[in-house]
Amino acid sequence: MAKVGPWVLGERLQDGKPMDKHLNLYLVLPGTQYRSPEHPEYDHTRIINKYTVDGEVRDWDIYYCFIIDPKLADNFHRESELLVAAHQTFGPAGLRLSDVPSNEIMRKELGVKSMAGLRKYHRKGHTLPRLLIVPAHLAVRATAELPDVIITHPGAQPPSVH
């Protein structure tokens, strides 16, 4: 099984390299959908680019979405919102790593121990993305049930409940 902190995400695939034919599962960190009192650094929101139909099992590439800008809200609902935030930049002058909302999880998952550790993610003018999206090097086989995820597929209508 593939785990991120205390969370089991699904059956791990052998190759964790992202593939175009896979669906995308984004873990927004920090987030409010899944919370752990024992491991609050792993509190996250899950966003997918499509949901599965009739319980069909699919392969998913997992991406971390680390909120870097302390002024960026964590209330994402769609993949498109993540992509927009990842393309927006801000000037980190005077910012300390402890000010970065995802600092603890970035330390654990990316080995970032100081603001200098974010240098490789700098954009023009030494700005940083407000939201950093990086592959988690995990792929899973799973289903996405409507109550369990936020639907991001445009035009998707939830089935009627009887």
C-alpha atoms as a PDB file:
ATOM      1  CA  MET A   1       0.000   0.000   0.000  1.00  0.00           C
ATOM      2  CA  ALA A   2       1.104   3.551  -0.686  1.00  0.00           C
ATOM      3  CA  LYS A   3       1.199   5.732   2.415  1.00  0.00           C
ATOM      4  CA  VAL A   4       1.855   9.408   2.995  1.00  0.00           C
ATOM      5  CA  GLY A   5       2.369   9.939   6.695  1.00  0.00           C
ATOM      6  CA  PRO A   6      -0.547   8.215   8.450  1.00  0.00           C
ATOM      7  CA  TRP A   7      -2.719   8.101   5.292  1.00  0.00           C
ATOM      8  CA  VAL A   8      -3.132   5.032   3.083  1.00  0.00           C
ATOM      9  CA  LEU A   9      -3.811   6.184  -0.479  1.00  0.00           C
ATOM     10  CA  GLY A  10      -4.247   2.895  -2.308  1.00  0.00           C
ATOM     11  CA  GLU A  11      -2.441  -0.079  -3.780  1.00  0.00           C
ATOM     12  CA  ARG A  12       1.070   1.029  -4.786  1.00  0.00           C
ATOM     13  CA  LEU A  13       2.116   0.531  -8.411  1.00  0.00           C
ATOM     14  CA  GLN A  14       5.651  -0.685  -9.100  1.00  0.00           C
ATOM     15  CA  ASP A  15       6.630   2.331 -11.180  1.00  0.00           C
ATOM     16  CA  GLY A  16       6.086   5.602  -9.339  1.00  0.00           C
ATOM     17  CA  LYS A  17       7.124   7.672 -12.353  1.00  0.00           C
ATOM     18  CA  PRO A  18       4.304   9.911 -13.678  1.00  0.00           C
ATOM     19  CA  MET A  19       2.673   8.658 -16.888  1.00  0.00           C
ATOM     20  CA  ASP A  20       0.336  10.547 -19.224  1.00  0.00           C
ATOM     21  CA  LYS A  21      -2.216   7.705 -19.262  1.00  0.00           C
ATOM     22  CA  HIS A  22      -2.693   7.881 -15.473  1.00  0.00           C
ATOM     23  CA  LEU A  23      -5.204  10.091 -13.713  1.00  0.00           C
ATOM     24  CA  ASN A  24      -3.862  12.721 -11.294  1.00  0.00           C
ATOM     25  CA  LEU A  25      -4.350  12.810  -7.532  1.00  0.00           C
ATOM     26  CA  TYR A  26      -3.135  15.983  -5.847  1.00  0.00           C
ATOM     27  CA  LEU A  27      -2.418  16.215  -2.124  1.00  0.00           C
ATOM     28  CA  VAL A  28      -2.684  19.862  -1.098  1.00  0.00           C
ATOM     29  CA  LEU A  29      -0.590  20.460   2.008  1.00  0.00           C
ATOM     30  CA  PRO A  30      -1.710  21.841   4.359  1.00  0.00           C
ATOM     31  CA  GLY A  31      -5.363  21.178   3.759  1.00  0.00           C
ATOM     32  CA  THR A  32      -8.565  20.699   5.688  1.00  0.00           C
ATOM     33  CA  GLN A  33     -10.269  17.640   4.159  1.00  0.00           C
ATOM     34  CA  TYR A  34      -8.198  14.962   5.940  1.00  0.00           C
ATOM     35  CA  ARG A  35      -6.907  15.793   9.413  1.00  0.00           C
ATOM     36  CA  SER A  36      -4.787  13.861  11.864  1.00  0.00           C
ATOM     37  CA  PRO A  37      -4.417  15.045  15.487  1.00  0.00           C
ATOM     38  CA  GLU A  38      -1.298  12.858  15.800  1.00  0.00           C
ATOM     39  CA  HIS A  39       0.320  14.093  12.542  1.00  0.00           C
ATOM     40  CA  PRO A  40      -1.036  17.585  11.736  1.00  0.00           C
ATOM     41  CA  GLU A  41       1.819  18.217   9.272  1.00  0.00           C
ATOM     42  CA  TYR A  42       0.086  15.659   7.004  1.00  0.00           C
ATOM     43  CA  ASP A  43      -3.327  17.393   7.072  1.00  0.00           C
ATOM     44  CA  HIS A  44      -4.310  17.668   3.438  1.00  0.00           C
ATOM     45  CA  THR A  45      -7.002  18.034   0.827  1.00  0.00           C
ATOM     46  CA  ARG A  46      -7.292  15.573  -2.051  1.00  0.00           C
ATOM     47  CA  ILE A  47      -8.134  16.846  -5.498  1.00  0.00           C
ATOM     48  CA  ILE A  48      -8.443  14.703  -8.594  1.00  0.00           C
ATOM     49  CA  ASN A  49      -8.614  15.548 -12.275  1.00  0.00           C
ATOM     50  CA  LYS A  50     -11.337  12.922 -12.969  1.00  0.00           C
ATOM     51  CA  TYR A  51     -13.403  10.542 -10.935  1.00  0.00           C
ATOM     52  CA  THR A  52     -13.886   6.865 -11.646  1.00  0.00           C
ATOM     53  CA  VAL A  53     -17.150   5.504 -13.014  1.00  0.00           C
ATOM     54  CA  ASP A  54     -19.072   2.600 -11.449  1.00  0.00           C
ATOM     55  CA  GLY A  55     -16.240   1.768  -9.038  1.00  0.00           C
ATOM     56  CA  GLU A  56     -13.795   1.177 -11.904  1.00  0.00           C
ATOM     57  CA  VAL A  57     -10.224   0.830 -10.600  1.00  0.00           C
ATOM     58  CA  ARG A  58      -7.756   3.215 -12.285  1.00  0.00           C
ATOM     59  CA  ASP A  59      -4.091   4.122 -11.990  1.00  0.00           C
ATOM     60  CA  TRP A  60      -3.274   7.477 -10.395  1.00  0.00           C
ATOM     61  CA  ASP A  61      -0.084   9.536 -10.273  1.00  0.00           C
ATOM     62  CA  ILE A  62       0.233  11.365  -6.967  1.00  0.00           C
ATOM     63  CA  TYR A  63       1.497  14.925  -6.745  1.00  0.00           C
ATOM     64  CA  TYR A  64       2.330  16.981  -3.673  1.00  0.00           C
ATOM     65  CA  CYS A  65       1.004  20.549  -3.746  1.00  0.00           C
ATOM     66  CA  PHE A  66       2.925  22.482  -1.120  1.00  0.00           C
ATOM     67  CA  ILE A  67       1.506  25.868  -0.156  1.00  0.00           C
ATOM     68  CA  ILE A  68       4.503  28.196   0.056  1.00  0.00           C
ATOM     69  CA  ASP A  69       2.912  31.660   0.153  1.00  0.00           C
ATOM     70  CA  PRO A  70       1.472  32.288   3.641  1.00  0.00           C
ATOM     71  CA  LYS A  71      -1.186  34.555   2.049  1.00  0.00           C
ATOM     72  CA  LEU A  72      -2.513  31.803  -0.229  1.00  0.00           C
ATOM     73  CA  ALA A  73      -5.787  30.298   0.997  1.00  0.00           C
ATOM     74  CA  ASP A  74      -5.951  26.507   1.260  1.00  0.00           C
ATOM     75  CA  ASN A  75      -9.517  26.131  -0.002  1.00  0.00           C
ATOM     76  CA  PHE A  76      -8.826  24.598  -3.415  1.00  0.00           C
ATOM     77  CA  HIS A  77     -11.548  22.553  -5.111  1.00  0.00           C
ATOM     78  CA  ARG A  78     -10.366  21.951  -8.685  1.00  0.00           C
ATOM     79  CA  GLU A  79      -7.223  20.989 -10.554  1.00  0.00           C
ATOM     80  CA  SER A  80      -7.442  24.227 -12.554  1.00  0.00           C
ATOM     81  CA  GLU A  81      -7.199  26.271  -9.329  1.00  0.00           C
ATOM     82  CA  LEU A  82      -4.031  24.394  -8.378  1.00  0.00           C
ATOM     83  CA  LEU A  83      -2.451  25.033 -11.774  1.00  0.00           C
ATOM     84  CA  VAL A  84      -3.257  28.754 -11.623  1.00  0.00           C
ATOM     85  CA  ALA A  85      -1.736  29.054  -8.121  1.00  0.00           C
ATOM     86  CA  ALA A  86       1.357  27.131  -9.260  1.00  0.00           C
ATOM     87  CA  HIS A  87       1.905  29.684 -12.049  1.00  0.00           C
ATOM     88  CA  GLN A  88       1.461  32.689  -9.762  1.00  0.00           C
ATOM     89  CA  THR A  89       4.599  33.926  -8.015  1.00  0.00           C
ATOM     90  CA  PHE A  90       5.433  36.058  -5.019  1.00  0.00           C
ATOM     91  CA  GLY A  91       8.546  37.702  -3.604  1.00  0.00           C
ATOM     92  CA  PRO A  92       9.767  35.763  -0.567  1.00  0.00           C
ATOM     93  CA  ALA A  93      11.927  38.633   0.790  1.00  0.00           C
ATOM     94  CA  GLY A  94      12.022  38.403   4.567  1.00  0.00           C
ATOM     95  CA  LEU A  95      10.134  35.096   4.569  1.00  0.00           C
ATOM     96  CA  ARG A  96      11.415  32.460   6.987  1.00  0.00           C
ATOM     97  CA  LEU A  97      10.844  28.762   6.404  1.00  0.00           C
ATOM     98  CA  SER A  98       8.738  28.664   9.573  1.00  0.00           C
ATOM     99  CA  ASP A  99       6.366  31.143   7.835  1.00  0.00           C
ATOM    100  CA  VAL A 100       5.746  28.720   4.934  1.00  0.00           C
ATOM    101  CA  PRO A 101       2.454  26.868   5.620  1.00  0.00           C
ATOM    102  CA  SER A 102       3.824  23.537   4.350  1.00  0.00           C
ATOM    103  CA  ASN A 103       7.274  23.842   5.949  1.00  0.00           C
ATOM    104  CA  GLU A 104       7.103  20.710   8.130  1.00  0.00           C
ATOM    105  CA  ILE A 105       5.950  18.390   5.357  1.00  0.00           C
ATOM    106  CA  MET A 106       8.441  19.910   2.881  1.00  0.00           C
ATOM    107  CA  ARG A 107      11.193  19.185   5.388  1.00  0.00           C
ATOM    108  CA  LYS A 108      10.090  15.540   5.615  1.00  0.00           C
ATOM    109  CA  GLU A 109       9.251  14.879   1.957  1.00  0.00           C
ATOM    110  CA  LEU A 110      11.683  17.163   0.085  1.00  0.00           C
ATOM    111  CA  GLY A 111      14.452  17.606   2.641  1.00  0.00           C
ATOM    112  CA  VAL A 112      14.016  21.412   2.656  1.00  0.00           C
ATOM    113  CA  LYS A 113      15.656  22.673   5.857  1.00  0.00           C
ATOM    114  CA  SER A 114      15.923  26.398   5.078  1.00  0.00           C
ATOM    115  CA  MET A 115      14.797  28.978   2.541  1.00  0.00           C
ATOM    116  CA  ALA A 116      17.991  28.195   0.627  1.00  0.00           C
ATOM    117  CA  GLY A 117      16.524  24.713   0.054  1.00  0.00           C
ATOM    118  CA  LEU A 118      13.808  26.342  -2.066  1.00  0.00           C
ATOM    119  CA  ARG A 119      16.346  28.015  -4.373  1.00  0.00           C
ATOM    120  CA  LYS A 120      15.949  25.378  -7.091  1.00  0.00           C
ATOM    121  CA  TYR A 121      12.245  26.311  -7.355  1.00  0.00           C
ATOM    122  CA  HIS A 122      12.938  30.042  -7.849  1.00  0.00           C
ATOM    123  CA  ARG A 123      11.510  31.728 -10.928  1.00  0.00           C
ATOM    124  CA  LYS A 124      12.591  34.956 -12.660  1.00  0.00           C
ATOM    125  CA  GLY A 125      13.504  37.737 -10.284  1.00  0.00           C
ATOM    126  CA  HIS A 126      14.045  35.273  -7.421  1.00  0.00           C
ATOM    127  CA  THR A 127      10.311  34.820  -6.924  1.00  0.00           C
ATOM    128  CA  LEU A 128       8.734  31.560  -5.804  1.00  0.00           C
ATOM    129  CA  PRO A 129       5.539  29.856  -6.917  1.00  0.00           C
ATOM    130  CA  ARG A 130       2.711  30.437  -4.473  1.00  0.00           C
ATOM    131  CA  LEU A 131       1.976  26.700  -4.711  1.00  0.00           C
ATOM    132  CA  LEU A 132       4.675  24.161  -5.550  1.00  0.00           C
ATOM    133  CA  ILE A 133       3.483  21.035  -7.396  1.00  0.00           C
ATOM    134  CA  VAL A 134       5.972  18.162  -7.443  1.00  0.00           C
ATOM    135  CA  PRO A 135       5.618  14.452  -8.197  1.00  0.00           C
ATOM    136  CA  ALA A 136       5.395  12.344  -5.037  1.00  0.00           C
ATOM    137  CA  HIS A 137       7.028   9.458  -6.948  1.00  0.00           C
ATOM    138  CA  LEU A 138       4.036   7.367  -5.976  1.00  0.00           C
ATOM    139  CA  ALA A 139       1.431   5.837  -8.197  1.00  0.00           C
ATOM    140  CA  VAL A 140      -1.548   3.887  -6.945  1.00  0.00           C
ATOM    141  CA  ARG A 141      -4.369   1.738  -8.245  1.00  0.00           C
ATOM    142  CA  ALA A 142      -7.627   2.870  -6.690  1.00  0.00           C
ATOM    143  CA  THR A 143     -11.123   4.195  -7.185  1.00  0.00           C
ATOM    144  CA  ALA A 144     -12.409   7.655  -6.361  1.00  0.00           C
ATOM    145  CA  GLU A 145     -15.775   7.638  -4.680  1.00  0.00           C
ATOM    146  CA  LEU A 146     -17.834  10.797  -4.762  1.00  0.00           C
ATOM    147  CA  PRO A 147     -18.080  11.313  -0.982  1.00  0.00           C
ATOM    148  CA  ASP A 148     -14.325  10.751  -0.632  1.00  0.00           C
ATOM    149  CA  VAL A 149     -12.941  13.332  -3.068  1.00  0.00           C
ATOM    150  CA  ILE A 150     -13.529  16.738  -4.529  1.00  0.00           C
ATOM    151  CA  ILE A 151     -14.632  16.331  -8.169  1.00  0.00           C
ATOM    152  CA  THR A 152     -12.624  18.423 -10.621  1.00  0.00           C
ATOM    153  CA  HIS A 153     -13.773  16.953 -13.947  1.00  0.00           C
ATOM    154  CA  PRO A 154     -15.560  19.722 -15.851  1.00  0.00           C
ATOM    155  CA  GLY A 155     -19.208  19.011 -16.491  1.00  0.00           C
ATOM    156  CA  ALA A 156     -19.325  16.064 -14.111  1.00  0.00           C
ATOM    157  CA  GLN A 157     -22.691  15.634 -12.475  1.00  0.00           C
ATOM    158  CA  PRO A 158     -22.997  13.561  -9.308  1.00  0.00           C
ATOM    159  CA  PRO A 159     -25.296  10.578  -9.702  1.00  0.00           C
ATOM    160  CA  SER A 160     -28.703  10.834  -8.103  1.00  0.00           C
ATOM    161  CA  VAL A 161     -28.913   9.179  -4.726  1.00  0.00           C
ATOM    162  CA  HIS A 162     -31.869   6.891  -3.998  1.00  0.00           C
END
